[in-house]
C-alpha atoms as a PDB file:
ATOM      1  CA  MET A   1     -22.162  73.694  67.690  1.00  0.00           C
ATOM      2  CA  SER A   2     -25.661  73.623  66.771  1.00  0.00           C
ATOM      3  CA  ASP A   3     -27.806  71.299  68.257  1.00  0.00           C
ATOM      4  CA  VAL A   4     -28.790  70.241  64.626  1.00  0.00           C
ATOM      5  CA  LEU A   5     -25.171  69.217  63.708  1.00  0.00           C
ATOM      6  CA  VAL A   6     -24.236  67.415  66.452  1.00  0.00           C
ATOM      7  CA  GLN A   7     -27.650  65.464  66.201  1.00  0.00           C
ATOM      8  CA  GLY A   8     -26.564  64.684  62.489  1.00  0.00           C
ATOM      9  CA  LEU A   9     -23.106  63.927  63.963  1.00  0.00           C
ATOM     10  CA  ALA A  10     -24.472  61.434  66.830  1.00  0.00           C
ATOM     11  CA  GLY A  11     -26.181  59.819  63.356  1.00  0.00           C
ATOM     12  CA  ILE A  12     -23.041  59.408  61.335  1.00  0.00           C
ATOM     13  CA  ALA A  13     -21.779  57.643  64.053  1.00  0.00           C
ATOM     14  CA  LEU A  14     -24.632  55.469  65.002  1.00  0.00           C
ATOM     15  CA  ALA A  15     -24.399  54.454  61.205  1.00  0.00           C
ATOM     16  CA  VAL A  16     -20.562  53.731  60.986  1.00  0.00           C
ATOM     17  CA  VAL A  17     -21.205  51.467  64.291  1.00  0.00           C
ATOM     18  CA  ALA A  18     -24.232  49.849  62.293  1.00  0.00           C
ATOM     19  CA  VAL A  19     -21.939  49.292  59.085  1.00  0.00           C
ATOM     20  CA  GLY A  20     -19.454  48.407  60.839  1.00  0.00           C
ATOM     21  CA  LEU A  21     -20.771  45.752  63.263  1.00  0.00           C
ATOM     22  CA  ALA A  22     -22.649  44.469  59.899  1.00  0.00           C
ATOM     23  CA  TRP A  23     -18.771  44.166  57.836  1.00  0.00           C
ATOM     24  CA  ARG A  24     -17.699  42.510  61.416  1.00  0.00           C
ATOM     25  CA  LEU A  25     -20.172  39.965  61.261  1.00  0.00           C
ATOM     26  CA  GLY A  26     -19.808  38.801  57.339  1.00  0.00           C
ATOM     27  CA  LEU A  27     -23.619  39.712  57.087  1.00  0.00           C
ATOM     28  CA  GLY A  28     -22.809  41.283  52.928  1.00  0.00           C
ATOM     29  CA  LEU A  29     -25.203  43.735  53.833  1.00  0.00           C
ATOM     30  CA  SER A  30     -22.184  46.739  54.840  1.00  0.00           C
ATOM     31  CA  LYS A  31     -22.540  48.416  51.120  1.00  0.00           C
ATOM     32  CA  GLU A  32     -26.781  48.894  51.544  1.00  0.00           C
ATOM     33  CA  LEU A  33     -26.592  49.631  55.239  1.00  0.00           C
ATOM     34  CA  ALA A  34     -23.915  52.449  54.568  1.00  0.00           C
ATOM     35  CA  VAL A  35     -25.801  53.820  51.737  1.00  0.00           C
ATOM     36  CA  ALA A  36     -29.632  53.396  53.607  1.00  0.00           C
ATOM     37  CA  ALA A  37     -27.573  54.945  57.135  1.00  0.00           C
ATOM     38  CA  THR A  38     -26.213  58.192  54.957  1.00  0.00           C
ATOM     39  CA  ARG A  39     -29.521  59.378  52.956  1.00  0.00           C
ATOM     40  CA  ALA A  40     -31.104  58.448  56.011  1.00  0.00           C
ATOM     41  CA  VAL A  41     -29.435  60.889  58.202  1.00  0.00           C
ATOM     42  CA  VAL A  42     -28.651  63.475  55.182  1.00  0.00           C
ATOM     43  CA  GLN A  43     -32.532  63.489  54.964  1.00  0.00           C
ATOM     44  CA  LEU A  44     -33.574  63.540  58.748  1.00  0.00           C
ATOM     45  CA  THR A  45     -30.692  66.375  59.359  1.00  0.00           C
ATOM     46  CA  ALA A  46     -32.283  68.502  56.237  1.00  0.00           C
ATOM     47  CA  VAL A  47     -35.786  68.536  57.967  1.00  0.00           C
ATOM     48  CA  GLY A  48     -34.449  69.044  61.345  1.00  0.00           C
ATOM     49  CA  ALA A  49     -32.811  72.202  60.351  1.00  0.00           C
ATOM     50  CA  VAL A  50     -36.317  73.450  58.914  1.00  0.00           C
ATOM     51  CA  ILE A  51     -38.459  72.580  61.562  1.00  0.00           C
ATOM     52  CA  VAL A  52     -35.602  74.336  63.746  1.00  0.00           C
ATOM     53  CA  VAL A  53     -36.148  77.621  61.184  1.00  0.00           C
ATOM     54  CA  ILE A  54     -40.230  76.911  61.323  1.00  0.00           C
ATOM     55  CA  PHE A  55     -39.810  77.540  65.188  1.00  0.00           C
ATOM     56  CA  GLU A  56     -37.341  79.728  65.478  1.00  0.00           C
ATOM     57  CA  VAL A  57     -38.880  82.837  63.011  1.00  0.00           C
ATOM     58  CA  PRO A  58     -42.524  83.815  65.370  1.00  0.00           C
ATOM     59  CA  ALA A  59     -44.445  84.057  61.832  1.00  0.00           C
ATOM     60  CA  LEU A  60     -43.359  80.894  60.692  1.00  0.00           C
ATOM     61  CA  ALA A  61     -44.486  79.316  63.697  1.00  0.00           C
ATOM     62  CA  PHE A  62     -47.567  81.111  63.802  1.00  0.00           C
ATOM     63  CA  ALA A  63     -47.933  80.026  60.204  1.00  0.00           C
ATOM     64  CA  TYR A  64     -47.215  76.629  60.665  1.00  0.00           C
ATOM     65  CA  VAL A  65     -49.666  76.474  64.030  1.00  0.00           C
ATOM     66  CA  PHE A  66     -52.759  78.152  61.903  1.00  0.00           C
ATOM     67  CA  ARG A  67     -52.080  76.182  58.910  1.00  0.00           C
ATOM     68  CA  ASP A  68     -55.638  74.397  58.790  1.00  0.00           C
ATOM     69  CA  VAL A  69     -57.002  77.606  58.800  1.00  0.00           C
ATOM     70  CA  PHE A  70     -55.140  79.545  56.672  1.00  0.00           C
ATOM     71  CA  LEU A  71     -55.701  76.501  54.089  1.00  0.00           C
ATOM     72  CA  SER A  72     -59.310  76.409  54.330  1.00  0.00           C
ATOM     73  CA  ASP A  73     -60.389  80.279  54.551  1.00  0.00           C
ATOM     74  CA  ARG A  74     -57.678  82.507  52.379  1.00  0.00           C
ATOM     75  CA  SER A  75     -59.392  85.420  53.860  1.00  0.00           C
ATOM     76  CA  ALA A  76     -58.121  85.413  56.958  1.00  0.00           C
ATOM     77  CA  ALA A  77     -54.441  84.800  55.378  1.00  0.00           C
ATOM     78  CA  ILE A  78     -55.210  87.414  52.703  1.00  0.00           C
ATOM     79  CA  ALA A  79     -56.124  89.938  55.826  1.00  0.00           C
ATOM     80  CA  LEU A  80     -53.062  89.223  57.856  1.00  0.00           C
ATOM     81  CA  THR A  81     -50.767  89.530  54.739  1.00  0.00           C
ATOM     82  CA  CYS A  82     -52.072  93.155  53.897  1.00  0.00           C
ATOM     83  CA  GLY A  83     -51.817  93.777  57.889  1.00  0.00           C
ATOM     84  CA  ILE A  84     -48.168  93.185  57.482  1.00  0.00           C
ATOM     85  CA  GLY A  85     -48.165  94.979  53.958  1.00  0.00           C
ATOM     86  CA  PHE A  86     -49.785  98.179  55.445  1.00  0.00           C
ATOM     87  CA  PHE A  87     -47.349  98.020  58.545  1.00  0.00           C
ATOM     88  CA  ALA A  88     -44.064  97.360  56.242  1.00  0.00           C
ATOM     89  CA  LEU A  89     -45.485 100.773  54.492  1.00  0.00           C
ATOM     90  CA  SER A  90     -46.088 102.575  58.017  1.00  0.00           C
ATOM     91  CA  THR A  91     -42.186 101.338  58.425  1.00  0.00           C
ATOM     92  CA  PHE A  92     -41.048 102.844  55.330  1.00  0.00           C
ATOM     93  CA  ALA A  93     -43.323 106.133  56.114  1.00  0.00           C
ATOM     94  CA  ASP A  94     -41.651 106.842  59.517  1.00  0.00           C
ATOM     95  CA  LEU A  95     -38.267 106.080  58.501  1.00  0.00           C
ATOM     96  CA  THR A  96     -38.677 108.805  55.581  1.00  0.00           C
ATOM     97  CA  SER A  97     -40.642 110.804  58.160  1.00  0.00           C
ATOM     98  CA  LEU A  98     -43.970 111.378  55.782  1.00  0.00           C
ATOM     99  CA  LYS A  99     -46.693 112.387  57.967  1.00  0.00           C
ATOM    100  CA  VAL A 100     -48.912 109.306  56.980  1.00  0.00           C
ATOM    101  CA  GLU A 101     -46.773 107.247  58.891  1.00  0.00           C
ATOM    102  CA  GLU A 102     -49.868 106.373  61.666  1.00  0.00           C
ATOM    103  CA  TRP A 103     -52.513 105.979  59.877  1.00  0.00           C
ATOM    104  CA  LEU A 104     -51.057 103.646  57.912  1.00  0.00           C
ATOM    105  CA  GLU A 105     -50.644 101.727  61.277  1.00  0.00           C
ATOM    106  CA  LEU A 106     -53.841 102.404  62.328  1.00  0.00           C
ATOM    107  CA  VAL A 107     -54.877 100.786  58.874  1.00  0.00           C
ATOM    108  CA  ALA A 108     -52.483  98.001  59.520  1.00  0.00           C
ATOM    109  CA  GLY A 109     -54.193  97.227  62.744  1.00  0.00           C
ATOM    110  CA  LEU A 110     -57.376  97.492  61.520  1.00  0.00           C
ATOM    111  CA  TRP A 111     -56.121  94.401  58.536  1.00  0.00           C
ATOM    112  CA  ILE A 112     -54.770  92.159  61.124  1.00  0.00           C
ATOM    113  CA  ALA A 113     -57.862  92.556  63.816  1.00  0.00           C
ATOM    114  CA  ALA A 114     -60.073  91.906  61.024  1.00  0.00           C
ATOM    115  CA  GLY A 115     -57.420  88.260  59.726  1.00  0.00           C
ATOM    116  CA  LEU A 116     -57.293  87.561  63.900  1.00  0.00           C
ATOM    117  CA  VAL A 117     -61.428  87.657  63.511  1.00  0.00           C
ATOM    118  CA  LEU A 118     -61.813  85.417  60.580  1.00  0.00           C
ATOM    119  CA  MET A 119     -59.141  82.954  61.360  1.00  0.00           C
ATOM    120  CA  ILE A 120     -61.216  82.762  65.093  1.00  0.00           C
ATOM    121  CA  ARG A 121     -64.213  82.393  62.860  1.00  0.00           C
ATOM    122  CA  THR A 122     -62.713  79.639  61.236  1.00  0.00           C
ATOM    123  CA  HIS A 123     -61.411  77.813  63.768  1.00  0.00           C
ATOM    124  CA  LEU A 124     -64.562  78.028  65.708  1.00  0.00           C
ATOM    125  CA  LYS A 125     -66.868  76.091  62.426  1.00  0.00           C
ATOM    126  CA  GLN A 126     -64.193  73.801  62.121  1.00  0.00           C
ATOM    127  CA  ASN A 127     -63.681  72.674  65.347  1.00  0.00           C
ATOM    128  CA  LEU A 128     -66.671  73.470  68.155  1.00  0.00           C
ATOM    129  CA  GLN A 129     -68.474  73.147  65.189  1.00  0.00           C
ATOM    130  CA  ILE A 130     -71.022  76.222  66.565  1.00  0.00           C
ATOM    131  CA  ARG A 131     -72.778  77.293  63.255  1.00  0.00           C
ATOM    132  CA  VAL A 132     -71.881  80.771  63.317  1.00  0.00           C
ATOM    133  CA  GLY A 133     -74.776  82.754  60.926  1.00  0.00           C
ATOM    134  CA  VAL A 134     -75.426  86.396  59.569  1.00  0.00           C
ATOM    135  CA  VAL A 135     -77.160  88.321  62.972  1.00  0.00           C
ATOM    136  CA  GLY A 136     -80.806  89.425  62.073  1.00  0.00           C
ATOM    137  CA  ARG A 137     -81.464  85.856  60.254  1.00  0.00           C
ATOM    138  CA  SER A 138     -84.019  83.919  61.538  1.00  0.00           C
ATOM    139  CA  ALA A 139     -84.529  80.661  62.201  1.00  0.00           C
ATOM    140  CA  ALA A 140     -86.210  79.380  59.222  1.00  0.00           C
ATOM    141  CA  ASP A 141     -83.540  81.099  57.114  1.00  0.00           C
ATOM    142  CA  GLU A 142     -81.001  78.498  58.387  1.00  0.00           C
ATOM    143  CA  ALA A 143     -83.918  75.499  58.212  1.00  0.00           C
ATOM    144  CA  PRO A 144     -82.277  72.631  55.833  1.00  0.00           C
ATOM    145  CA  GLN A 145     -84.678  72.665  52.649  1.00  0.00           C
ATOM    146  CA  PRO A 146     -86.200  69.549  52.016  1.00  0.00           C
ATOM    147  CA  ALA A 147     -84.545  67.480  49.034  1.00  0.00           C
ATOM    148  CA  LEU A 148     -85.413  66.897  45.912  1.00  0.00           C
ATOM    149  CA  PRO A 149     -86.715  63.353  44.878  1.00  0.00           C
ATOM    150  CA  ALA A 150     -84.295  61.623  42.353  1.00  0.00           C
ATOM    151  CA  LYS A 151     -85.541  61.772  39.093  1.00  0.00           C
ATOM    152  CA  VAL A 152     -86.798  58.418  37.549  1.00  0.00           C
ATOM    153  CA  PRO A 153     -85.140  57.254  34.587  1.00  0.00           C
ATOM    154  CA  ALA A 154     -87.911  57.269  31.444  1.00  0.00           C
ATOM    155  CA  GLY A 155     -89.160  53.901  30.194  1.00  0.00           C
ATOM    156  CA  THR A 156     -89.062  52.578  34.143  1.00  0.00           C
ATOM    157  CA  PRO A 157     -92.622  51.546  35.325  1.00  0.00           C
END
């Protein structure tokens, strides 16, 4: 029996105990408590099952852990997706004995490497607040520009 199912059954058992106590004490809350407890157990069991699936599949766990990076920099997600696509093509080429299999593996590796580099760049920019600039640019190019004065509405003294 899976852990999620055991935890769901334990939740139902606790809910039955709570409803039984409410009925025994004559609180008049048995029906409402039963409905609320049933909904809570079902919802928490469903969420637990989703979390188990996320952390059992390595690619989903990777995507979940780095979701902020993927959401802020779509180029990393696109590069990794291209790498996975080329890897799938290389697998197909290997199964059908096509000669392009090695080249597709090379391209897949390059895409995955580019995606990881983009993820690292985004992570450094967000969390360490390191200014990542273009090599060869001078400090004057990186200096903040002075703010323009606010426009004064016409007719103001």
